[in-house]
N, C-alpha and C. Protein backbone atom coordinates (compact mmCIF):
# COMPACT_ATOMS: atom_id res chain seq x y z
N MET A 1 0.86 -1.18 0.00
CA MET A 1 0.00 0.00 0.00
C MET A 1 0.89 1.24 0.00
N THR A 2 0.94 1.90 -1.12
CA THR A 2 1.84 3.03 -1.29
C THR A 2 1.13 4.34 -1.02
N ASP A 3 1.97 5.38 -0.78
CA ASP A 3 1.42 6.71 -0.59
C ASP A 3 0.84 7.22 -1.90
N MET A 4 -0.21 8.05 -1.80
CA MET A 4 -0.85 8.63 -2.97
C MET A 4 -1.01 10.11 -2.76
N PRO A 5 -1.03 10.89 -3.84
CA PRO A 5 -1.30 12.33 -3.69
C PRO A 5 -2.68 12.55 -3.07
N VAL A 6 -2.80 13.62 -2.31
CA VAL A 6 -4.09 13.97 -1.72
C VAL A 6 -4.92 14.69 -2.78
N THR A 7 -6.04 14.10 -3.16
CA THR A 7 -6.96 14.69 -4.12
C THR A 7 -8.32 14.82 -3.45
N GLU A 8 -9.26 15.44 -4.14
CA GLU A 8 -10.62 15.54 -3.59
C GLU A 8 -11.17 14.16 -3.29
N SER A 9 -10.93 13.21 -4.17
CA SER A 9 -11.46 11.86 -3.97
C SER A 9 -10.79 11.15 -2.80
N THR A 10 -9.45 11.22 -2.72
CA THR A 10 -8.77 10.54 -1.61
C THR A 10 -9.18 11.15 -0.28
N GLU A 11 -9.30 12.46 -0.24
CA GLU A 11 -9.68 13.12 1.01
C GLU A 11 -11.11 12.76 1.41
N PHE A 12 -12.02 12.73 0.43
CA PHE A 12 -13.41 12.40 0.73
C PHE A 12 -13.53 11.01 1.33
N TRP A 13 -12.94 10.02 0.66
CA TRP A 13 -13.12 8.64 1.11
C TRP A 13 -12.34 8.34 2.37
N GLU A 14 -11.16 8.94 2.52
CA GLU A 14 -10.42 8.73 3.76
C GLU A 14 -11.18 9.29 4.94
N THR A 15 -11.77 10.47 4.76
CA THR A 15 -12.57 11.06 5.83
C THR A 15 -13.79 10.19 6.14
N ARG A 16 -14.42 9.66 5.09
CA ARG A 16 -15.60 8.81 5.28
C ARG A 16 -15.28 7.61 6.17
N TYR A 17 -14.17 6.97 5.93
CA TYR A 17 -13.81 5.80 6.74
C TYR A 17 -13.25 6.20 8.10
N ARG A 18 -12.43 7.21 8.13
CA ARG A 18 -11.79 7.60 9.38
C ARG A 18 -12.79 8.10 10.41
N ASP A 19 -13.90 8.68 9.95
CA ASP A 19 -14.88 9.26 10.87
C ASP A 19 -15.87 8.25 11.41
N SER A 20 -15.73 6.98 11.04
CA SER A 20 -16.65 5.94 11.51
C SER A 20 -15.85 4.70 11.88
N ALA A 21 -16.24 4.07 12.99
CA ALA A 21 -15.55 2.86 13.41
C ALA A 21 -15.74 1.74 12.40
N ARG A 22 -16.90 1.70 11.76
CA ARG A 22 -17.17 0.74 10.69
C ARG A 22 -18.20 1.37 9.76
N VAL A 23 -17.94 1.29 8.46
CA VAL A 23 -18.87 1.85 7.48
C VAL A 23 -19.84 0.79 6.98
N TRP A 24 -19.33 -0.44 6.74
CA TRP A 24 -20.15 -1.50 6.15
C TRP A 24 -20.40 -2.62 7.15
N SER A 25 -21.27 -3.56 6.78
CA SER A 25 -21.72 -4.59 7.71
C SER A 25 -20.68 -5.65 8.01
N GLY A 26 -19.70 -5.83 7.12
CA GLY A 26 -18.76 -6.93 7.26
C GLY A 26 -19.20 -8.18 6.54
N ASN A 27 -20.40 -8.17 5.97
CA ASN A 27 -20.91 -9.30 5.21
C ASN A 27 -20.68 -9.08 3.71
N PRO A 28 -20.48 -10.15 2.93
CA PRO A 28 -20.27 -9.97 1.49
C PRO A 28 -21.53 -9.49 0.80
N ASN A 29 -21.38 -8.81 -0.31
CA ASN A 29 -22.53 -8.40 -1.10
C ASN A 29 -23.28 -9.62 -1.60
N GLU A 30 -24.60 -9.61 -1.41
CA GLU A 30 -25.39 -10.80 -1.73
C GLU A 30 -25.35 -11.13 -3.22
N LEU A 31 -25.22 -10.13 -4.07
CA LEU A 31 -25.18 -10.41 -5.50
C LEU A 31 -23.84 -11.01 -5.91
N LEU A 32 -22.77 -10.68 -5.20
CA LEU A 32 -21.50 -11.36 -5.42
C LEU A 32 -21.66 -12.85 -5.11
N VAL A 33 -22.22 -13.16 -3.95
CA VAL A 33 -22.40 -14.55 -3.55
C VAL A 33 -23.27 -15.28 -4.57
N ARG A 34 -24.35 -14.65 -5.00
CA ARG A 34 -25.25 -15.28 -5.96
C ARG A 34 -24.56 -15.59 -7.28
N GLU A 35 -23.77 -14.64 -7.78
CA GLU A 35 -23.22 -14.76 -9.12
C GLU A 35 -21.92 -15.56 -9.18
N VAL A 36 -21.20 -15.65 -8.07
CA VAL A 36 -19.85 -16.22 -8.10
C VAL A 36 -19.79 -17.62 -7.50
N SER A 37 -20.77 -18.00 -6.69
CA SER A 37 -20.68 -19.27 -5.96
C SER A 37 -20.44 -20.47 -6.86
N ALA A 38 -20.96 -20.45 -8.08
CA ALA A 38 -20.82 -21.60 -8.97
C ALA A 38 -19.55 -21.54 -9.82
N LEU A 39 -18.77 -20.47 -9.72
CA LEU A 39 -17.55 -20.35 -10.52
C LEU A 39 -16.40 -21.12 -9.89
N ARG A 40 -15.51 -21.61 -10.73
CA ARG A 40 -14.31 -22.29 -10.21
C ARG A 40 -13.35 -21.24 -9.66
N PRO A 41 -12.88 -21.39 -8.44
CA PRO A 41 -11.98 -20.38 -7.87
C PRO A 41 -10.67 -20.27 -8.64
N GLY A 42 -10.18 -19.05 -8.69
CA GLY A 42 -8.90 -18.77 -9.32
C GLY A 42 -8.36 -17.49 -8.73
N THR A 43 -7.94 -16.56 -9.57
CA THR A 43 -7.48 -15.27 -9.10
C THR A 43 -8.62 -14.25 -9.26
N ALA A 44 -8.73 -13.35 -8.31
CA ALA A 44 -9.82 -12.36 -8.33
C ALA A 44 -9.27 -10.98 -8.02
N LEU A 45 -9.88 -9.99 -8.66
CA LEU A 45 -9.59 -8.58 -8.40
C LEU A 45 -10.87 -7.93 -7.88
N ASP A 46 -10.82 -7.37 -6.68
CA ASP A 46 -11.97 -6.72 -6.05
C ASP A 46 -11.72 -5.22 -6.07
N LEU A 47 -12.41 -4.52 -6.97
CA LEU A 47 -12.22 -3.08 -7.13
C LEU A 47 -13.09 -2.32 -6.14
N GLY A 48 -12.48 -1.41 -5.39
CA GLY A 48 -13.22 -0.69 -4.37
C GLY A 48 -13.61 -1.62 -3.24
N CYS A 49 -12.63 -2.31 -2.68
CA CYS A 49 -12.91 -3.40 -1.73
C CYS A 49 -13.37 -2.91 -0.38
N GLY A 50 -13.22 -1.61 -0.08
CA GLY A 50 -13.67 -1.10 1.21
C GLY A 50 -13.01 -1.82 2.37
N GLU A 51 -13.82 -2.25 3.34
CA GLU A 51 -13.29 -2.91 4.54
C GLU A 51 -13.08 -4.41 4.35
N GLY A 52 -13.25 -4.89 3.12
CA GLY A 52 -12.76 -6.21 2.78
C GLY A 52 -13.72 -7.37 2.84
N ALA A 53 -15.02 -7.13 3.04
CA ALA A 53 -15.95 -8.24 3.20
C ALA A 53 -15.99 -9.16 1.99
N ASP A 54 -16.07 -8.57 0.78
CA ASP A 54 -16.11 -9.40 -0.43
C ASP A 54 -14.80 -10.14 -0.63
N ALA A 55 -13.68 -9.45 -0.42
CA ALA A 55 -12.37 -10.09 -0.60
C ALA A 55 -12.21 -11.27 0.36
N VAL A 56 -12.65 -11.09 1.59
CA VAL A 56 -12.54 -12.17 2.57
C VAL A 56 -13.44 -13.34 2.19
N TRP A 57 -14.65 -13.04 1.73
CA TRP A 57 -15.54 -14.13 1.32
C TRP A 57 -14.93 -14.90 0.16
N LEU A 58 -14.41 -14.19 -0.84
CA LEU A 58 -13.79 -14.86 -1.97
C LEU A 58 -12.62 -15.73 -1.52
N ALA A 59 -11.74 -15.16 -0.70
CA ALA A 59 -10.59 -15.92 -0.22
C ALA A 59 -11.02 -17.15 0.58
N SER A 60 -12.08 -17.01 1.35
CA SER A 60 -12.59 -18.13 2.13
C SER A 60 -13.17 -19.24 1.26
N HIS A 61 -13.46 -18.90 0.00
CA HIS A 61 -14.01 -19.88 -0.94
C HIS A 61 -12.99 -20.26 -2.01
N GLY A 62 -11.72 -20.11 -1.69
CA GLY A 62 -10.67 -20.66 -2.53
C GLY A 62 -10.01 -19.71 -3.51
N TRP A 63 -10.48 -18.46 -3.59
CA TRP A 63 -9.88 -17.51 -4.52
C TRP A 63 -8.62 -16.89 -3.92
N ARG A 64 -7.70 -16.50 -4.79
CA ARG A 64 -6.58 -15.64 -4.40
C ARG A 64 -6.94 -14.23 -4.85
N VAL A 65 -7.03 -13.31 -3.91
CA VAL A 65 -7.70 -12.04 -4.15
C VAL A 65 -6.72 -10.87 -4.05
N THR A 66 -6.83 -9.97 -5.01
CA THR A 66 -6.21 -8.65 -4.90
C THR A 66 -7.34 -7.65 -4.68
N GLY A 67 -7.31 -6.97 -3.56
CA GLY A 67 -8.32 -5.96 -3.25
C GLY A 67 -7.72 -4.57 -3.37
N THR A 68 -8.48 -3.65 -3.93
CA THR A 68 -8.00 -2.28 -4.07
C THR A 68 -9.00 -1.31 -3.47
N ASP A 69 -8.48 -0.24 -2.92
CA ASP A 69 -9.35 0.85 -2.46
C ASP A 69 -8.54 2.13 -2.44
N ILE A 70 -9.25 3.25 -2.41
CA ILE A 70 -8.61 4.56 -2.37
C ILE A 70 -8.22 4.97 -0.95
N SER A 71 -8.88 4.35 0.05
CA SER A 71 -8.70 4.75 1.45
C SER A 71 -7.72 3.84 2.17
N ALA A 72 -6.69 4.41 2.75
CA ALA A 72 -5.73 3.64 3.54
C ALA A 72 -6.40 3.06 4.78
N THR A 73 -7.33 3.81 5.37
CA THR A 73 -8.04 3.31 6.55
C THR A 73 -8.88 2.09 6.20
N ALA A 74 -9.58 2.14 5.08
CA ALA A 74 -10.38 0.98 4.65
C ALA A 74 -9.48 -0.23 4.43
N LEU A 75 -8.34 -0.02 3.78
CA LEU A 75 -7.45 -1.14 3.51
C LEU A 75 -6.87 -1.73 4.79
N ALA A 76 -6.58 -0.90 5.77
CA ALA A 76 -6.10 -1.42 7.05
C ALA A 76 -7.16 -2.29 7.70
N ARG A 77 -8.41 -1.89 7.62
CA ARG A 77 -9.50 -2.70 8.18
C ARG A 77 -9.68 -3.98 7.38
N ALA A 78 -9.52 -3.90 6.06
CA ALA A 78 -9.63 -5.10 5.23
C ALA A 78 -8.52 -6.09 5.59
N SER A 79 -7.32 -5.60 5.81
CA SER A 79 -6.21 -6.47 6.19
C SER A 79 -6.50 -7.17 7.52
N GLU A 80 -7.03 -6.43 8.47
CA GLU A 80 -7.35 -7.01 9.77
C GLU A 80 -8.47 -8.04 9.65
N HIS A 81 -9.48 -7.73 8.83
CA HIS A 81 -10.59 -8.67 8.61
C HIS A 81 -10.06 -9.97 8.01
N ALA A 82 -9.20 -9.85 7.01
CA ALA A 82 -8.64 -11.05 6.39
C ALA A 82 -7.81 -11.86 7.38
N ARG A 83 -7.02 -11.18 8.19
CA ARG A 83 -6.21 -11.88 9.19
C ARG A 83 -7.10 -12.61 10.19
N GLU A 84 -8.12 -11.93 10.69
CA GLU A 84 -9.01 -12.55 11.67
C GLU A 84 -9.78 -13.73 11.08
N ALA A 85 -10.06 -13.67 9.77
CA ALA A 85 -10.78 -14.76 9.11
C ALA A 85 -9.86 -15.91 8.71
N GLY A 86 -8.57 -15.75 8.92
CA GLY A 86 -7.63 -16.81 8.61
C GLY A 86 -7.26 -16.91 7.14
N VAL A 87 -7.50 -15.83 6.38
CA VAL A 87 -7.20 -15.87 4.94
C VAL A 87 -6.23 -14.75 4.55
N GLY A 88 -5.49 -14.24 5.52
CA GLY A 88 -4.58 -13.15 5.22
C GLY A 88 -3.55 -13.49 4.16
N ASP A 89 -3.20 -14.78 4.05
CA ASP A 89 -2.21 -15.19 3.06
C ASP A 89 -2.80 -15.30 1.66
N ARG A 90 -4.13 -15.16 1.53
CA ARG A 90 -4.80 -15.27 0.24
C ARG A 90 -5.32 -13.93 -0.26
N VAL A 91 -5.07 -12.87 0.51
CA VAL A 91 -5.56 -11.54 0.16
C VAL A 91 -4.38 -10.56 0.08
N THR A 92 -4.23 -9.94 -1.08
CA THR A 92 -3.24 -8.88 -1.27
C THR A 92 -3.99 -7.57 -1.46
N LEU A 93 -3.55 -6.53 -0.79
CA LEU A 93 -4.25 -5.25 -0.84
C LEU A 93 -3.37 -4.18 -1.47
N GLU A 94 -3.96 -3.40 -2.37
CA GLU A 94 -3.25 -2.32 -3.06
C GLU A 94 -4.09 -1.05 -2.99
N ARG A 95 -3.42 0.07 -2.80
CA ARG A 95 -4.11 1.36 -2.76
C ARG A 95 -4.06 2.00 -4.13
N HIS A 96 -5.23 2.29 -4.70
CA HIS A 96 -5.33 2.92 -6.01
C HIS A 96 -6.46 3.94 -6.00
N GLU A 97 -6.25 5.05 -6.68
CA GLU A 97 -7.35 5.93 -7.05
C GLU A 97 -7.76 5.51 -8.46
N LEU A 98 -8.77 4.67 -8.55
CA LEU A 98 -9.17 4.13 -9.84
C LEU A 98 -9.54 5.26 -10.78
N GLY A 99 -9.11 5.10 -12.02
CA GLY A 99 -9.21 6.19 -12.98
C GLY A 99 -7.91 6.94 -13.10
N VAL A 100 -7.04 6.79 -12.10
CA VAL A 100 -5.70 7.39 -12.13
C VAL A 100 -4.66 6.27 -12.20
N THR A 101 -4.78 5.28 -11.30
CA THR A 101 -3.93 4.10 -11.34
C THR A 101 -4.82 2.86 -11.29
N PHE A 102 -4.25 1.73 -11.73
CA PHE A 102 -5.04 0.49 -11.80
C PHE A 102 -4.10 -0.68 -11.57
N PRO A 103 -4.56 -1.73 -10.90
CA PRO A 103 -3.69 -2.89 -10.65
C PRO A 103 -3.18 -3.52 -11.95
N GLU A 104 -2.00 -4.08 -11.89
CA GLU A 104 -1.42 -4.76 -13.04
C GLU A 104 -1.89 -6.21 -13.09
N GLY A 105 -1.84 -6.79 -14.28
CA GLY A 105 -2.12 -8.21 -14.44
C GLY A 105 -3.53 -8.50 -14.91
N THR A 106 -3.80 -9.79 -15.09
CA THR A 106 -5.14 -10.25 -15.46
C THR A 106 -5.62 -11.24 -14.42
N PHE A 107 -6.96 -11.40 -14.38
CA PHE A 107 -7.57 -12.16 -13.29
C PHE A 107 -8.72 -13.01 -13.84
N ASP A 108 -8.98 -14.11 -13.14
CA ASP A 108 -10.10 -14.97 -13.54
C ASP A 108 -11.45 -14.35 -13.19
N LEU A 109 -11.46 -13.47 -12.22
CA LEU A 109 -12.67 -12.73 -11.84
C LEU A 109 -12.29 -11.29 -11.54
N VAL A 110 -13.00 -10.35 -12.14
CA VAL A 110 -12.87 -8.94 -11.76
C VAL A 110 -14.24 -8.50 -11.28
N SER A 111 -14.30 -8.06 -10.03
CA SER A 111 -15.56 -7.69 -9.39
C SER A 111 -15.57 -6.20 -9.10
N ALA A 112 -16.58 -5.52 -9.59
CA ALA A 112 -16.73 -4.08 -9.38
C ALA A 112 -18.11 -3.82 -8.81
N HIS A 113 -18.18 -3.63 -7.51
CA HIS A 113 -19.46 -3.38 -6.84
C HIS A 113 -19.58 -1.92 -6.44
N TYR A 114 -20.60 -1.27 -6.93
CA TYR A 114 -20.99 0.07 -6.49
C TYR A 114 -19.86 1.10 -6.65
N LEU A 115 -19.24 1.11 -7.83
CA LEU A 115 -18.25 2.14 -8.12
C LEU A 115 -18.98 3.42 -8.52
N GLN A 116 -19.67 3.98 -7.53
CA GLN A 116 -20.47 5.19 -7.69
C GLN A 116 -20.07 6.15 -6.59
N SER A 117 -19.79 7.39 -6.97
CA SER A 117 -19.16 8.31 -6.03
C SER A 117 -19.72 9.72 -6.18
N PRO A 118 -19.88 10.43 -5.06
CA PRO A 118 -20.30 11.83 -5.15
C PRO A 118 -19.16 12.76 -5.54
N VAL A 119 -17.94 12.23 -5.61
CA VAL A 119 -16.78 13.02 -6.07
C VAL A 119 -16.27 12.39 -7.36
N ALA A 120 -15.33 13.06 -7.98
CA ALA A 120 -14.90 12.70 -9.34
C ALA A 120 -14.50 11.24 -9.47
N LEU A 121 -15.03 10.57 -10.49
CA LEU A 121 -14.67 9.20 -10.81
C LEU A 121 -14.99 8.95 -12.28
N ASP A 122 -13.99 8.52 -13.03
CA ASP A 122 -14.19 8.17 -14.44
C ASP A 122 -14.76 6.76 -14.49
N GLN A 123 -16.06 6.65 -14.22
CA GLN A 123 -16.69 5.34 -14.08
C GLN A 123 -16.54 4.50 -15.35
N ASP A 124 -16.83 5.08 -16.52
CA ASP A 124 -16.73 4.32 -17.77
C ASP A 124 -15.29 3.86 -18.01
N GLY A 125 -14.34 4.73 -17.76
CA GLY A 125 -12.95 4.37 -17.96
C GLY A 125 -12.50 3.25 -17.03
N VAL A 126 -12.94 3.31 -15.79
CA VAL A 126 -12.58 2.27 -14.82
C VAL A 126 -13.19 0.94 -15.23
N LEU A 127 -14.44 0.95 -15.67
CA LEU A 127 -15.08 -0.30 -16.08
C LEU A 127 -14.42 -0.89 -17.32
N ARG A 128 -13.99 -0.04 -18.23
CA ARG A 128 -13.27 -0.57 -19.40
C ARG A 128 -11.93 -1.16 -18.99
N ALA A 129 -11.26 -0.52 -18.03
CA ALA A 129 -10.01 -1.09 -17.51
C ALA A 129 -10.27 -2.41 -16.81
N ALA A 130 -11.40 -2.49 -16.11
CA ALA A 130 -11.77 -3.74 -15.44
C ALA A 130 -11.96 -4.86 -16.46
N ALA A 131 -12.65 -4.56 -17.55
CA ALA A 131 -12.82 -5.57 -18.60
C ALA A 131 -11.48 -6.00 -19.18
N GLY A 132 -10.57 -5.05 -19.33
CA GLY A 132 -9.26 -5.37 -19.86
C GLY A 132 -8.43 -6.24 -18.94
N ALA A 133 -8.79 -6.29 -17.66
CA ALA A 133 -8.06 -7.09 -16.68
C ALA A 133 -8.61 -8.50 -16.53
N VAL A 134 -9.64 -8.84 -17.30
CA VAL A 134 -10.22 -10.18 -17.23
C VAL A 134 -9.44 -11.12 -18.15
N ALA A 135 -8.97 -12.22 -17.61
CA ALA A 135 -8.25 -13.21 -18.39
C ALA A 135 -9.20 -13.97 -19.30
N PRO A 136 -8.73 -14.52 -20.42
CA PRO A 136 -9.59 -15.36 -21.26
C PRO A 136 -10.23 -16.48 -20.43
N GLY A 137 -11.53 -16.66 -20.60
CA GLY A 137 -12.27 -17.63 -19.81
C GLY A 137 -12.73 -17.09 -18.47
N GLY A 138 -12.35 -15.84 -18.15
CA GLY A 138 -12.70 -15.25 -16.87
C GLY A 138 -14.01 -14.50 -16.91
N THR A 139 -14.33 -13.86 -15.80
CA THR A 139 -15.63 -13.23 -15.59
C THR A 139 -15.48 -11.80 -15.10
N LEU A 140 -16.27 -10.92 -15.68
CA LEU A 140 -16.42 -9.55 -15.19
C LEU A 140 -17.77 -9.44 -14.50
N LEU A 141 -17.77 -9.06 -13.24
CA LEU A 141 -19.01 -8.88 -12.48
C LEU A 141 -19.12 -7.41 -12.07
N ILE A 142 -20.21 -6.78 -12.50
CA ILE A 142 -20.46 -5.37 -12.17
C ILE A 142 -21.82 -5.29 -11.48
N VAL A 143 -21.86 -4.59 -10.37
CA VAL A 143 -23.12 -4.32 -9.68
C VAL A 143 -23.18 -2.83 -9.38
N MET A 144 -24.30 -2.20 -9.74
CA MET A 144 -24.47 -0.77 -9.54
C MET A 144 -25.86 -0.49 -8.99
N HIS A 145 -25.97 0.52 -8.13
CA HIS A 145 -27.29 1.00 -7.75
C HIS A 145 -27.99 1.54 -8.99
N ALA A 146 -29.27 1.20 -9.14
CA ALA A 146 -30.05 1.63 -10.31
C ALA A 146 -30.90 2.85 -10.01
N ALA A 147 -31.07 3.19 -8.73
CA ALA A 147 -31.90 4.34 -8.32
C ALA A 147 -31.65 4.58 -6.84
N TRP A 148 -32.12 5.72 -6.36
CA TRP A 148 -32.10 5.96 -4.91
C TRP A 148 -33.05 4.98 -4.23
N PRO A 149 -32.80 4.61 -2.98
CA PRO A 149 -33.77 3.76 -2.27
C PRO A 149 -35.11 4.47 -2.15
N ASN A 150 -36.18 3.71 -2.07
CA ASN A 150 -37.51 4.33 -2.11
C ASN A 150 -37.81 5.16 -0.86
N TRP A 151 -37.04 4.98 0.21
CA TRP A 151 -37.25 5.81 1.39
C TRP A 151 -36.48 7.13 1.33
N GLN A 152 -35.67 7.31 0.28
CA GLN A 152 -34.88 8.54 0.13
C GLN A 152 -35.76 9.61 -0.50
N THR A 153 -36.33 10.47 0.34
CA THR A 153 -37.27 11.47 -0.16
C THR A 153 -36.56 12.65 -0.82
N GLU A 154 -35.32 12.92 -0.43
CA GLU A 154 -34.56 14.03 -1.01
C GLU A 154 -33.14 13.56 -1.27
N PRO A 155 -32.75 13.34 -2.53
CA PRO A 155 -31.40 12.85 -2.83
C PRO A 155 -30.33 13.77 -2.23
N PRO A 156 -29.29 13.19 -1.63
CA PRO A 156 -28.25 14.01 -0.99
C PRO A 156 -27.31 14.69 -1.97
N PHE A 157 -27.28 14.21 -3.21
CA PHE A 157 -26.46 14.84 -4.25
C PHE A 157 -27.00 14.39 -5.60
N ASP A 158 -26.62 15.14 -6.64
CA ASP A 158 -27.04 14.78 -7.99
C ASP A 158 -26.32 13.51 -8.42
N ALA A 159 -27.07 12.60 -9.01
CA ALA A 159 -26.47 11.35 -9.47
C ALA A 159 -27.17 10.87 -10.72
N GLU A 160 -26.39 10.34 -11.64
CA GLU A 160 -26.94 9.71 -12.82
C GLU A 160 -26.70 8.21 -12.70
N PHE A 161 -27.77 7.45 -12.61
CA PHE A 161 -27.64 6.02 -12.38
C PHE A 161 -27.48 5.28 -13.71
N PRO A 162 -26.52 4.35 -13.79
CA PRO A 162 -26.29 3.63 -15.03
C PRO A 162 -27.43 2.67 -15.33
N THR A 163 -27.70 2.48 -16.61
CA THR A 163 -28.76 1.58 -17.05
C THR A 163 -28.13 0.27 -17.53
N LEU A 164 -28.98 -0.74 -17.67
CA LEU A 164 -28.50 -2.04 -18.12
C LEU A 164 -27.84 -1.95 -19.49
N ASP A 165 -28.48 -1.24 -20.41
CA ASP A 165 -27.89 -1.09 -21.74
C ASP A 165 -26.74 -0.10 -21.75
N GLY A 166 -26.84 0.94 -20.92
CA GLY A 166 -25.82 1.98 -20.92
C GLY A 166 -24.45 1.47 -20.54
N VAL A 167 -24.37 0.61 -19.55
CA VAL A 167 -23.07 0.08 -19.13
C VAL A 167 -22.48 -0.80 -20.22
N LEU A 168 -23.30 -1.64 -20.84
CA LEU A 168 -22.80 -2.48 -21.92
C LEU A 168 -22.30 -1.63 -23.09
N ASP A 169 -23.03 -0.56 -23.40
CA ASP A 169 -22.58 0.35 -24.46
C ASP A 169 -21.24 0.99 -24.10
N ALA A 170 -21.10 1.42 -22.84
CA ALA A 170 -19.87 2.08 -22.41
C ALA A 170 -18.69 1.12 -22.42
N LEU A 171 -18.93 -0.15 -22.11
CA LEU A 171 -17.85 -1.13 -22.11
C LEU A 171 -17.31 -1.36 -23.52
N ALA A 172 -18.19 -1.30 -24.52
CA ALA A 172 -17.80 -1.49 -25.92
C ALA A 172 -16.97 -2.77 -26.09
N LEU A 173 -17.50 -3.87 -25.59
CA LEU A 173 -16.79 -5.14 -25.63
C LEU A 173 -16.75 -5.67 -27.07
N PRO A 174 -15.61 -6.18 -27.51
CA PRO A 174 -15.51 -6.70 -28.88
C PRO A 174 -16.48 -7.85 -29.12
N GLU A 175 -17.15 -7.82 -30.23
CA GLU A 175 -18.09 -8.89 -30.56
C GLU A 175 -17.35 -10.22 -30.72
N GLY A 176 -17.99 -11.28 -30.26
CA GLY A 176 -17.41 -12.60 -30.38
C GLY A 176 -16.43 -12.97 -29.29
N GLU A 177 -16.10 -12.02 -28.40
CA GLU A 177 -15.13 -12.30 -27.35
C GLU A 177 -15.77 -12.38 -25.96
N TRP A 178 -17.03 -11.99 -25.86
CA TRP A 178 -17.69 -11.93 -24.55
C TRP A 178 -19.11 -12.49 -24.67
N THR A 179 -19.57 -13.10 -23.56
CA THR A 179 -20.94 -13.59 -23.48
C THR A 179 -21.58 -13.05 -22.21
N VAL A 180 -22.72 -12.39 -22.35
CA VAL A 180 -23.43 -11.86 -21.19
C VAL A 180 -24.22 -13.00 -20.54
N ARG A 181 -23.88 -13.31 -19.30
CA ARG A 181 -24.55 -14.39 -18.57
C ARG A 181 -25.68 -13.86 -17.69
N THR A 182 -25.49 -12.68 -17.12
CA THR A 182 -26.53 -12.05 -16.30
C THR A 182 -26.63 -10.59 -16.70
N ARG A 183 -27.83 -10.12 -16.92
CA ARG A 183 -28.12 -8.70 -17.19
C ARG A 183 -29.49 -8.47 -16.58
N GLU A 184 -29.52 -7.92 -15.36
CA GLU A 184 -30.76 -7.97 -14.59
C GLU A 184 -30.87 -6.80 -13.61
N ARG A 185 -32.07 -6.33 -13.43
CA ARG A 185 -32.37 -5.37 -12.37
C ARG A 185 -32.95 -6.14 -11.20
N VAL A 186 -32.39 -5.94 -10.03
CA VAL A 186 -32.74 -6.72 -8.84
C VAL A 186 -33.23 -5.78 -7.75
N ARG A 187 -34.32 -6.14 -7.11
CA ARG A 187 -34.84 -5.35 -5.97
C ARG A 187 -34.43 -6.01 -4.66
N ARG A 188 -33.78 -5.24 -3.80
CA ARG A 188 -33.31 -5.76 -2.51
C ARG A 188 -33.95 -4.98 -1.37
N PRO A 189 -34.22 -5.64 -0.23
CA PRO A 189 -34.68 -4.90 0.94
C PRO A 189 -33.63 -3.89 1.39
N SER A 190 -34.08 -2.76 1.88
CA SER A 190 -33.17 -1.70 2.32
C SER A 190 -33.81 -0.98 3.50
N VAL A 191 -32.98 -0.52 4.43
CA VAL A 191 -33.47 0.17 5.62
C VAL A 191 -32.72 1.49 5.73
N SER A 192 -33.44 2.56 5.98
CA SER A 192 -32.83 3.89 6.11
C SER A 192 -32.04 3.98 7.41
N PRO A 193 -31.15 4.98 7.54
CA PRO A 193 -30.42 5.17 8.80
C PRO A 193 -31.34 5.36 9.99
N GLU A 194 -32.57 5.83 9.73
CA GLU A 194 -33.54 6.02 10.82
C GLU A 194 -34.37 4.76 11.09
N GLY A 195 -34.08 3.68 10.34
CA GLY A 195 -34.79 2.43 10.56
C GLY A 195 -36.05 2.26 9.73
N VAL A 196 -36.26 3.12 8.71
CA VAL A 196 -37.43 3.00 7.86
C VAL A 196 -37.20 1.88 6.84
N PRO A 197 -38.04 0.84 6.81
CA PRO A 197 -37.84 -0.24 5.85
C PRO A 197 -38.28 0.15 4.45
N GLY A 198 -37.66 -0.41 3.47
CA GLY A 198 -38.03 -0.14 2.07
C GLY A 198 -37.25 -1.06 1.16
N HIS A 199 -36.91 -0.56 -0.02
CA HIS A 199 -36.16 -1.37 -0.96
C HIS A 199 -35.25 -0.49 -1.81
N ARG A 200 -34.32 -1.15 -2.45
CA ARG A 200 -33.43 -0.47 -3.39
C ARG A 200 -33.20 -1.38 -4.59
N ASP A 201 -33.18 -0.78 -5.78
CA ASP A 201 -32.95 -1.53 -7.00
C ASP A 201 -31.47 -1.44 -7.41
N ASP A 202 -30.92 -2.58 -7.77
CA ASP A 202 -29.55 -2.66 -8.28
C ASP A 202 -29.57 -3.27 -9.68
N ASN A 203 -28.60 -2.90 -10.48
CA ASN A 203 -28.37 -3.55 -11.76
C ASN A 203 -27.15 -4.45 -11.63
N VAL A 204 -27.21 -5.64 -12.24
CA VAL A 204 -26.10 -6.58 -12.17
C VAL A 204 -25.81 -7.13 -13.56
N TRP A 205 -24.51 -7.17 -13.87
CA TRP A 205 -24.03 -7.73 -15.13
C TRP A 205 -22.94 -8.76 -14.79
N ARG A 206 -23.09 -9.96 -15.28
CA ARG A 206 -22.03 -10.96 -15.21
C ARG A 206 -21.70 -11.34 -16.64
N ILE A 207 -20.46 -11.06 -17.04
CA ILE A 207 -20.06 -11.20 -18.44
C ILE A 207 -18.82 -12.08 -18.50
N GLU A 208 -18.88 -13.11 -19.31
CA GLU A 208 -17.76 -14.05 -19.43
C GLU A 208 -16.92 -13.72 -20.66
N ARG A 209 -15.63 -13.69 -20.45
CA ARG A 209 -14.72 -13.47 -21.58
C ARG A 209 -14.42 -14.83 -22.21
N THR A 210 -14.85 -15.02 -23.42
CA THR A 210 -14.76 -16.33 -24.06
C THR A 210 -13.53 -16.45 -24.96
N ALA A 211 -12.84 -15.34 -25.20
CA ALA A 211 -11.65 -15.39 -26.05
C ALA A 211 -10.64 -14.34 -25.59
């Protein structure tokens, strides 16, 4: 985990993690579990790994994982989570501001969950880089929020949510080299910070690189 220049994005996310003892639940994303459980374990790249729940789940199921995040605090928590789960030797962590730097190499699975930010992020460019990091025969898994949760009466910032077709268009994957296995809008239960129950819609794409 190397030092990085302080930018608006690094400062925002570092503050987000530093100001809270824990940001996420510690459980893996349910759509990751749904889409990956049947895949043969190999090497995996977890983009925006946060506090490491997905990386730890993957490592616990036989994958060798490289996790990346912009926040040093998040990565420190991910390292501790992996150590406590007994998979520290299967998880490598790298600090990247995606869109500026990107991990080297190719992977059997590249997972990009919720790469959506209120500060600058070249989302299309990062997703194209993610596709480029998928090894032949490997899988690209993308999950994005499709809308604000239904209990969100006033959006906290302006956001443009990606569509099922829009992400595929932005990826511009070469014909004959990829097969879309999942392209779906999924409704999940969601609870507001005040405890109001509701739901949130996510879009999920699982795309296999066939050549």
